[in-house]
Amino acid sequence: MRQAQADAFAAAQDLTRVRNEITALDLQKQGNVVRLEKLSAEKIQIEEERTRLEVRLQEFVANVQVEKLNAQTSEAPSSSASGACASSRRS
């Protein structure tokens, strides 16, 4: 009888230990699900920001090209420009 009680007590302890482990794993799983949701949302935000930054970079590169062209055309010999102004004053 005592052996049966001891066996039953040991089995109850094992069952409690296993239930505690399952509870701990369930809590860990819930935490991982929340973490995954946060990371997924952050990934989407980062991808959107990356797209916006790519557009801004393309606009910047285009503006730099325009400024380069403007600088090159303004460096052209000014004698032709002043000649055009002088001829318009004569008329």
Protein backbone atom coordinates (compact mmCIF):
# COMPACT_ATOMS: atom_id res chain seq x y z
CA MET A 1 0.00 0.00 0.00
CA ARG A 2 2.76 2.43 0.92
CA GLN A 3 4.55 1.66 -2.32
CA ALA A 4 1.38 2.40 -4.27
CA GLN A 5 1.02 5.72 -2.44
CA ALA A 6 4.65 6.58 -3.10
CA ASP A 7 4.23 5.71 -6.78
CA ALA A 8 1.06 7.79 -7.01
CA PHE A 9 2.79 10.73 -5.31
CA ALA A 10 5.78 10.47 -7.70
CA ALA A 11 3.43 10.31 -10.68
CA ALA A 12 1.54 13.37 -9.42
CA GLN A 13 4.84 15.27 -9.05
CA ASP A 14 5.87 14.29 -12.58
CA LEU A 15 2.49 15.38 -13.90
CA THR A 16 2.77 18.73 -12.15
CA ARG A 17 6.29 19.23 -13.52
CA VAL A 18 5.15 18.43 -17.06
CA ARG A 19 2.15 20.77 -16.74
CA ASN A 20 4.45 23.55 -15.53
CA GLU A 21 6.75 22.97 -18.50
CA ILE A 22 3.79 23.12 -20.88
CA THR A 23 2.58 26.35 -19.27
CA ALA A 24 6.06 27.86 -19.57
CA LEU A 25 6.26 26.84 -23.24
CA ASP A 26 2.82 28.30 -23.92
CA LEU A 27 3.87 31.62 -22.36
CA GLN A 28 7.08 31.59 -24.38
CA LYS A 29 5.08 30.89 -27.53
CA GLN A 30 2.72 33.80 -26.83
CA GLY A 31 5.69 36.10 -26.28
CA ASN A 32 7.24 34.93 -29.54
CA VAL A 33 4.00 35.56 -31.41
CA VAL A 34 3.83 39.13 -30.10
CA ARG A 35 7.51 39.66 -30.96
CA LEU A 36 6.95 38.30 -34.47
CA GLU A 37 3.99 40.64 -35.01
CA LYS A 38 6.06 43.64 -33.88
CA LEU A 39 8.97 42.65 -36.11
CA SER A 40 6.65 42.16 -39.09
CA ALA A 41 5.16 45.61 -38.59
CA GLU A 42 8.63 47.13 -38.23
CA LYS A 43 9.76 45.37 -41.41
CA ILE A 44 6.86 46.87 -43.34
CA GLN A 45 7.65 50.35 -41.99
CA ILE A 46 11.32 49.99 -42.92
CA GLU A 47 10.43 48.82 -46.44
CA GLU A 48 8.12 51.82 -46.88
CA GLU A 49 10.82 54.18 -45.61
CA ARG A 50 13.35 52.59 -47.94
CA THR A 51 11.03 53.17 -50.91
CA ARG A 52 10.53 56.82 -49.92
CA LEU A 53 14.27 57.31 -49.53
CA GLU A 54 14.93 55.74 -52.94
CA VAL A 55 12.51 58.22 -54.52
CA ARG A 56 14.18 61.12 -52.70
CA LEU A 57 17.59 59.91 -53.84
CA GLN A 58 16.44 59.71 -57.46
CA GLU A 59 15.02 63.23 -57.21
CA PHE A 60 18.27 64.47 -55.68
CA VAL A 61 20.36 62.86 -58.43
CA ALA A 62 18.10 64.41 -61.07
CA ASN A 63 18.41 67.85 -59.42
CA VAL A 64 22.19 67.53 -59.30
CA GLN A 65 22.25 66.71 -63.02
CA VAL A 66 20.10 69.75 -63.76
CA GLU A 67 22.37 71.96 -61.64
CA LYS A 68 25.44 70.58 -63.44
CA LEU A 69 23.89 71.38 -66.81
CA ASN A 70 22.93 74.87 -65.61
CA ALA A 71 26.46 75.45 -64.33
CA GLN A 72 27.96 74.26 -67.62
CA THR A 73 25.70 76.49 -69.72
CA SER A 74 26.39 79.50 -67.52
CA GLU A 75 30.14 78.92 -67.97
CA ALA A 76 29.78 79.27 -71.75
CA PRO A 77 31.61 82.27 -73.27
CA SER A 78 29.79 85.41 -72.25
CA SER A 79 30.83 87.37 -75.36
CA SER A 80 28.03 85.80 -77.40
CA ALA A 81 25.51 86.66 -74.70
CA SER A 82 26.73 90.24 -74.43
CA GLY A 83 26.75 90.51 -78.21
CA ALA A 84 23.11 89.51 -78.29
CA CYS A 85 22.31 92.16 -75.69
CA ALA A 86 24.22 94.80 -77.62
CA SER A 87 22.46 94.00 -80.87
CA SER A 88 19.06 94.23 -79.18
CA ARG A 89 19.96 97.67 -77.80
CA ARG A 90 20.84 98.94 -81.29
CA SER A 91 17.39 98.30 -82.71
